Each structure stands twice: as structure tokens, then as C-alpha cells.
Amino acid sequence: MIKDEDAVWKQDEYTTFGKWMDGWETRRRRTEGHDWCIVQLGIPGIIRAIEVDTAFFTGNFSPKVSIFGALHLSDAQAADNLRRIRKDSVVGQPEIGRMGMKASDEEFAEVAKLQSDAWSPLVELTPLGAGYEETRKNLFHIPPGHGPIQYLRVNMGPDGGIARIRVYGEVVVQPERIPADREIDLAAVEHGGMAIACSNKHYGHPRNLIAPGRGNCMGDGWETARQPKRPAVYQKGPDGLMLLPGCDWAILKLGVPGNISQLE
């Protein structure tokens, strides 16, 4: 659900568990309860909106969804245990990962310690649209008043498929995570950097400029459309430089103030 790229459809792709789908799909539920998952956000932040995308899940989409949130976990050791269980569970089946599995009794016991069903409700139980182009994207605006969030509990109602989830908001700067003994990237999103305006984002949004890691393709950066008002024939100015019809620009807000020593 948290892949960067949009979900894709593979017409003839099947697995030993049924039709391959690009997202989180659970089996048909035949017991009490509903399906859920816990997602750790990369960085704590104030959530403004959450988008739940059911792309290509048409007859098998989750009919409803609710989402809870929390900043801290009531039992950090339980979270560590869940990460260990998750890692150990895929040993021996690297190609399919956790496909075909359900939570074990050990996992249920550790999740119970987190009390995630009592986290702050961000999205009340709400119907979702089927995964057709016109109904797949379900946007929920989060009312103000919630504090920073780093963990989500996504609840299906009661089972089915969700392709992607997108969580929009502002990073909350954590001073304890900013080292004082070395240079840092003041614009980095993990330090609270934000792209707040730009002249053009036809092929790529300027927020990609401050994303973690290195870009992996042209689309993983800021690329603008060609200037539509450019002349049919370029001319040189008196200084020997090309006369160009303006430039594109982006405004970045640094996460924290600082003394700039270099720009890359």
C-alpha cells in the first residue's frame, strides 16, 4: 500500500493464492471481526488528508475503511517483536514475502499490547468507492486538532483490497533527531523541509528535490514543461548569451534555520 508508484494491472498474472493484485488484499473472511494493518510513518507529522486508493479492486475492494492514529506506542518492545516476527516469517519464501499468511497467535498477542484499537480516530468507518478510474481515489480531510502522528491502524470493513494509501501533511521537526555536531541538509524533508510553491510541475513535483535518498529516474525529480512562449528562433543578446523567455522556479522552506555553508 505504501509503494511510491501507482498500482498497476497485470491481466494474466496469477499466484498460488489466486489473481495477483498490486496492493493489500485479504482472503474472504469467514470468522468474526475484520482485517486491519498497522503502518509506521517514516516521519512524525500533522496529518491533513489521507487518500485510500482501491485501484483495480472492483468486485473485491474493501467496502469500508476506518483509520486510527498515534504518535507513541504504549509498548516499544512489542513493536520490536512485531518487526522481528515479520522478518522471520518470510524466511524460505523470498519471492512471495508474507503473501498467503495471516497474523499468528504471537503477533495478535504483541498487537494487543499496543492497544491500537483505542488510538485516536482519524477517519470514521466510511464507505469506499470501487477500483474504477472514476471512484478509486477516496480522499479524507482530517479535521484540525490532532497532534503529531507516526503510527496508523488501517481497518478494512470487513475485508477485501486496498491498492495504495497516501498520507499528506507537514513533518514535525524533532530536535533530538537533528545532530548538533555535524552539518546537515537543512532542506531535507526529514528535517521538516517543504516545497511550498513553484512555477511549473508538469513532469515532477519540486518536493522530490528534498526527498530522502537519490533519484532513480527523471520522474523522481523536479521537471517542468518546456516554456510554451519560447520563440521559434533563439537569438543571442549583447553579452553573447541566449535570450530566453524567463525561467521556472520553486520555493523551498528549510526545515530548520541554519548557517548555509554549501549548496549541492
Protein backbone atom coordinates (compact mmCIF):
# COMPACT_ATOMS: atom_id res chain seq x y z
CA MET A 1 0.00 0.00 0.00
CA ILE A 2 2.87 2.41 0.63
CA LYS A 3 4.79 1.98 -2.63
CA ASP A 4 5.78 5.25 -4.30
CA GLU A 5 4.42 4.32 -7.71
CA ASP A 6 0.73 3.93 -8.56
CA ALA A 7 -0.79 0.47 -8.66
CA VAL A 8 -0.61 -1.46 -11.94
CA TRP A 9 -2.82 -4.11 -13.52
CA LYS A 10 -1.37 -7.38 -14.87
CA GLN A 11 -4.07 -9.18 -16.76
CA ASP A 12 -2.54 -12.68 -16.83
CA GLU A 13 -0.61 -12.64 -13.54
CA TYR A 14 -1.69 -15.32 -11.04
CA THR A 15 -0.23 -16.77 -7.84
CA THR A 16 -0.86 -19.98 -5.91
CA PHE A 17 -3.34 -17.94 -3.85
CA GLY A 18 -5.32 -16.55 -6.79
CA LYS A 19 -5.21 -13.47 -9.02
CA TRP A 20 -2.17 -11.24 -8.43
CA MET A 21 -3.20 -7.77 -7.31
CA ASP A 22 -1.00 -4.74 -6.71
CA GLY A 23 -1.95 -3.82 -3.17
CA TRP A 24 -3.10 -5.27 0.14
CA GLU A 25 -5.80 -7.90 -0.35
CA THR A 26 -7.09 -10.21 2.34
CA ARG A 27 -8.86 -13.51 1.91
CA ARG A 28 -12.64 -13.75 2.23
CA ARG A 29 -13.38 -13.56 5.94
CA ARG A 30 -15.35 -16.44 7.44
CA THR A 31 -14.78 -15.57 11.10
CA GLU A 32 -15.85 -12.73 13.38
CA GLY A 33 -14.00 -9.41 13.26
CA HIS A 34 -12.41 -7.53 10.38
CA ASP A 35 -8.99 -7.18 8.75
CA TRP A 36 -6.51 -4.46 9.73
CA CYS A 37 -2.86 -3.50 9.46
CA ILE A 38 -0.51 -1.20 11.36
CA VAL A 39 1.66 1.22 9.36
CA GLN A 40 4.61 3.15 10.75
CA LEU A 41 5.02 6.51 9.01
CA GLY A 42 8.57 7.37 8.04
CA ILE A 43 8.46 10.70 9.91
CA PRO A 44 6.00 12.04 12.51
CA GLY A 45 3.76 14.79 11.21
CA ILE A 46 0.49 16.67 11.36
CA ILE A 47 -1.84 14.81 9.01
CA ARG A 48 -4.04 16.98 6.81
CA ALA A 49 -5.53 14.35 4.49
CA ILE A 50 -5.43 10.63 3.79
CA GLU A 51 -6.13 9.11 0.38
CA VAL A 52 -7.23 5.49 0.12
CA ASP A 53 -6.92 4.17 -3.44
CA THR A 54 -8.73 0.96 -4.41
CA ALA A 55 -7.29 0.86 -7.97
CA PHE A 56 -8.25 -2.30 -9.90
CA PHE A 57 -10.04 -3.80 -6.91
CA THR A 58 -13.50 -3.69 -8.47
CA GLY A 59 -15.52 -6.64 -7.18
CA ASN A 60 -13.03 -7.33 -4.41
CA PHE A 61 -12.39 -3.89 -2.86
CA SER A 62 -12.83 -3.21 0.83
CA PRO A 63 -16.35 -1.72 1.07
CA LYS A 64 -15.49 0.44 4.09
CA VAL A 65 -12.42 1.78 5.90
CA SER A 66 -11.57 3.46 9.19
CA ILE A 67 -8.17 4.77 10.28
CA PHE A 68 -6.75 5.40 13.76
CA GLY A 69 -3.51 7.19 14.62
CA ALA A 70 -0.96 7.53 17.42
CA LEU A 71 2.34 9.29 17.98
CA HIS A 72 3.91 6.94 20.52
CA LEU A 73 3.43 3.23 21.14
CA SER A 74 2.35 2.04 24.56
CA ASP A 75 4.84 -0.84 24.35
CA ALA A 76 8.03 -0.25 22.32
CA GLN A 77 9.22 -3.81 22.95
CA ALA A 78 6.06 -5.18 21.37
CA ALA A 79 6.76 -3.13 18.24
CA ASP A 80 10.30 -4.53 18.09
CA ASN A 81 8.90 -8.05 18.48
CA LEU A 82 6.45 -7.46 15.63
CA ARG A 83 9.27 -6.31 13.34
CA ARG A 84 11.26 -9.44 14.24
CA ILE A 85 8.28 -11.72 13.60
CA ARG A 86 7.66 -10.00 10.26
CA LYS A 87 11.28 -10.51 9.21
CA ASP A 88 11.42 -14.14 10.34
CA SER A 89 8.11 -15.07 8.71
CA VAL A 90 9.40 -14.59 5.15
CA VAL A 91 12.47 -16.78 5.53
CA GLY A 92 12.15 -19.54 2.95
CA GLN A 93 9.72 -17.68 0.68
CA PRO A 94 11.57 -14.58 -0.54
CA GLU A 95 9.63 -14.40 -3.81
CA ILE A 96 6.19 -14.04 -2.27
CA GLY A 97 7.05 -12.46 1.09
CA ARG A 98 4.11 -12.64 3.50
CA MET A 99 1.55 -13.44 0.82
CA GLY A 100 -0.74 -16.25 1.90
CA MET A 101 -0.23 -15.60 5.61
CA LYS A 102 -2.33 -14.23 8.42
CA ALA A 103 -1.33 -12.88 11.81
CA SER A 104 -0.06 -15.60 14.13
CA ASP A 105 -1.17 -16.02 17.72
CA GLU A 106 2.16 -14.49 18.75
CA GLU A 107 1.52 -11.44 16.56
CA PHE A 108 -2.00 -10.99 17.91
CA ALA A 109 -0.61 -11.07 21.44
CA GLU A 110 2.01 -8.41 20.67
CA VAL A 111 -0.51 -6.19 18.83
CA ALA A 112 -2.86 -6.37 21.81
CA LYS A 113 -0.13 -4.72 23.90
CA LEU A 114 -0.19 -1.68 21.55
CA GLN A 115 -3.90 -1.06 22.25
CA SER A 116 -4.21 0.18 18.66
CA ASP A 117 -7.99 -0.20 18.63
CA ALA A 118 -8.09 2.66 21.16
CA TRP A 119 -5.90 5.07 19.15
CA SER A 120 -7.29 8.43 18.11
CA PRO A 121 -9.83 8.08 15.26
CA LEU A 122 -8.74 9.99 12.15
CA VAL A 123 -11.26 8.53 9.68
CA GLU A 124 -14.53 7.12 10.96
CA LEU A 125 -15.86 3.96 9.30
CA THR A 126 -16.70 5.23 5.81
CA PRO A 127 -17.71 3.57 2.51
CA LEU A 128 -15.07 3.32 -0.20
CA GLY A 129 -15.52 3.51 -3.96
CA ALA A 130 -14.71 0.55 -6.19
CA GLY A 131 -11.39 0.49 -8.01
CA TYR A 132 -12.64 2.01 -11.26
CA GLU A 133 -10.91 5.16 -12.52
CA GLU A 134 -13.77 7.45 -11.50
CA THR A 135 -14.29 6.02 -7.99
CA ARG A 136 -10.94 4.55 -6.90
CA LYS A 137 -9.46 7.56 -5.09
CA ASN A 138 -11.11 8.30 -1.77
CA LEU A 139 -9.78 11.45 -0.09
CA PHE A 140 -10.44 12.07 3.60
CA HIS A 141 -9.67 15.50 5.07
CA ILE A 142 -8.52 15.21 8.66
CA PRO A 143 -10.10 17.83 10.94
CA PRO A 144 -7.70 20.09 12.85
CA GLY A 145 -6.96 19.40 16.48
CA HIS A 146 -4.98 16.18 16.15
CA GLY A 147 -1.38 16.26 17.31
CA PRO A 148 1.58 14.67 15.50
CA ILE A 149 1.07 11.09 14.28
CA GLN A 150 3.61 8.40 13.44
CA TYR A 151 1.56 5.18 13.52
CA LEU A 152 -1.66 4.30 11.70
CA ARG A 153 -4.07 1.44 12.14
CA VAL A 154 -5.93 0.90 8.85
CA ASN A 155 -9.14 -1.09 9.33
CA MET A 156 -10.96 -2.78 6.48
CA GLY A 157 -14.70 -3.10 6.80
CA PRO A 158 -14.56 -6.06 6.90
CA ASP A 159 -12.16 -7.46 4.25
CA GLY A 160 -11.16 -7.02 0.59
CA GLY A 161 -8.49 -4.98 -1.14
CA ILE A 162 -6.79 -1.57 -0.90
CA ALA A 163 -4.18 -0.67 -3.51
CA ARG A 164 -2.46 2.40 -2.05
CA ILE A 165 -2.63 4.74 0.90
CA ARG A 166 -1.24 8.27 0.80
CA VAL A 167 -0.82 10.39 3.94
CA TYR A 168 -0.50 14.15 3.38
CA GLY A 169 0.66 16.68 5.96
CA GLU A 170 3.60 18.53 7.44
CA VAL A 171 6.63 16.99 9.10
CA VAL A 172 7.00 17.77 12.79
CA VAL A 173 10.65 18.58 13.48
CA GLN A 174 12.10 16.54 16.32
CA PRO A 175 15.05 18.46 17.78
CA GLU A 176 16.52 15.31 19.30
CA ARG A 177 16.89 13.84 15.79
CA ILE A 178 18.92 16.78 14.49
CA PRO A 179 22.65 16.34 15.25
CA ALA A 180 24.39 19.41 16.62
CA ASP A 181 27.93 18.20 15.98
CA ARG A 182 27.92 17.97 12.16
CA GLU A 183 26.48 19.57 9.05
CA ILE A 184 23.00 18.51 7.97
CA ASP A 185 20.81 19.07 4.94
CA LEU A 186 18.61 21.92 6.14
CA ALA A 187 16.15 21.38 3.29
CA ALA A 188 15.70 17.62 3.77
CA VAL A 189 12.12 16.53 4.33
CA GLU A 190 13.18 14.51 7.38
CA HIS A 191 14.26 17.78 8.99
CA GLY A 192 10.97 19.48 8.08
CA GLY A 193 11.82 20.87 4.64
CA MET A 194 8.88 21.62 2.36
CA ALA A 195 8.26 22.72 -1.23
CA ILE A 196 5.67 25.48 -0.85
CA ALA A 197 5.36 26.97 -4.37
CA CYS A 198 6.62 26.60 -7.94
CA SER A 199 6.03 27.98 -11.41
CA ASN A 200 5.53 24.58 -13.06
CA LYS A 201 5.44 20.90 -12.07
CA HIS A 202 4.36 19.27 -15.31
CA TYR A 203 6.54 16.14 -15.08
CA GLY A 204 7.67 16.13 -11.45
CA HIS A 205 6.92 17.97 -8.22
CA PRO A 206 9.68 20.06 -6.58
CA ARG A 207 9.12 18.16 -3.33
CA ASN A 208 11.09 15.37 -5.00
CA LEU A 209 14.16 17.61 -4.69
CA ILE A 210 14.22 17.17 -0.91
CA ALA A 211 13.11 13.53 -0.67
CA PRO A 212 15.39 11.01 1.06
CA GLY A 213 17.92 9.04 -0.98
CA ARG A 214 18.93 9.53 -4.60
CA GLY A 215 16.60 9.92 -7.56
CA ASN A 216 16.13 6.75 -9.58
CA CYS A 217 14.74 8.22 -12.82
CA MET A 218 13.78 11.52 -14.48
CA GLY A 219 10.34 11.34 -12.92
CA ASP A 220 11.87 11.15 -9.45
CA GLY A 221 12.86 14.80 -9.53
CA TRP A 222 11.51 18.23 -10.43
CA GLU A 223 10.95 18.54 -14.18
CA THR A 224 8.96 21.29 -15.85
CA ALA A 225 7.25 21.52 -19.22
CA ARG A 226 9.01 23.43 -22.00
CA GLN A 227 8.21 27.14 -21.97
CA PRO A 228 5.21 27.49 -24.32
CA LYS A 229 6.07 31.13 -25.11
CA ARG A 230 9.59 30.38 -26.33
CA PRO A 231 10.41 31.97 -29.70
CA ALA A 232 10.55 29.94 -32.89
CA VAL A 233 14.17 31.06 -33.38
CA TYR A 234 16.52 31.79 -30.50
CA GLN A 235 18.67 34.91 -30.58
CA LYS A 236 21.84 35.90 -28.74
CA GLY A 237 21.93 39.00 -26.59
CA PRO A 238 24.72 41.63 -26.49
CA ASP A 239 26.52 39.58 -23.84
CA GLY A 240 26.62 36.53 -26.11
CA LEU A 241 24.08 34.59 -24.03
CA MET A 242 20.81 33.21 -25.36
CA LEU A 243 17.72 35.39 -24.94
CA LEU A 244 15.32 33.11 -23.11
CA PRO A 245 11.64 33.76 -22.24
CA GLY A 246 12.01 33.56 -18.45
CA CYS A 247 12.72 30.61 -16.18
CA ASP A 248 10.95 28.17 -13.91
CA TRP A 249 11.33 28.43 -10.15
CA ALA A 250 10.48 26.65 -6.91
CA ILE A 251 10.38 27.96 -3.35
CA LEU A 252 11.63 25.62 -0.63
CA LYS A 253 11.10 26.16 3.08
CA LEU A 254 14.03 24.88 5.11
CA GLY A 255 13.09 22.60 7.95
CA VAL A 256 15.18 24.45 10.49
CA PRO A 257 17.10 27.76 10.29
CA GLY A 258 20.86 27.47 9.91
CA ASN A 259 24.08 28.89 8.56
CA ILE A 260 24.46 27.65 4.98
CA SER A 261 27.99 26.52 4.17
CA GLN A 262 27.37 24.89 0.77
CA LEU A 263 24.67 24.11 -1.76
CA GLU A 264 24.58 20.88 -3.79
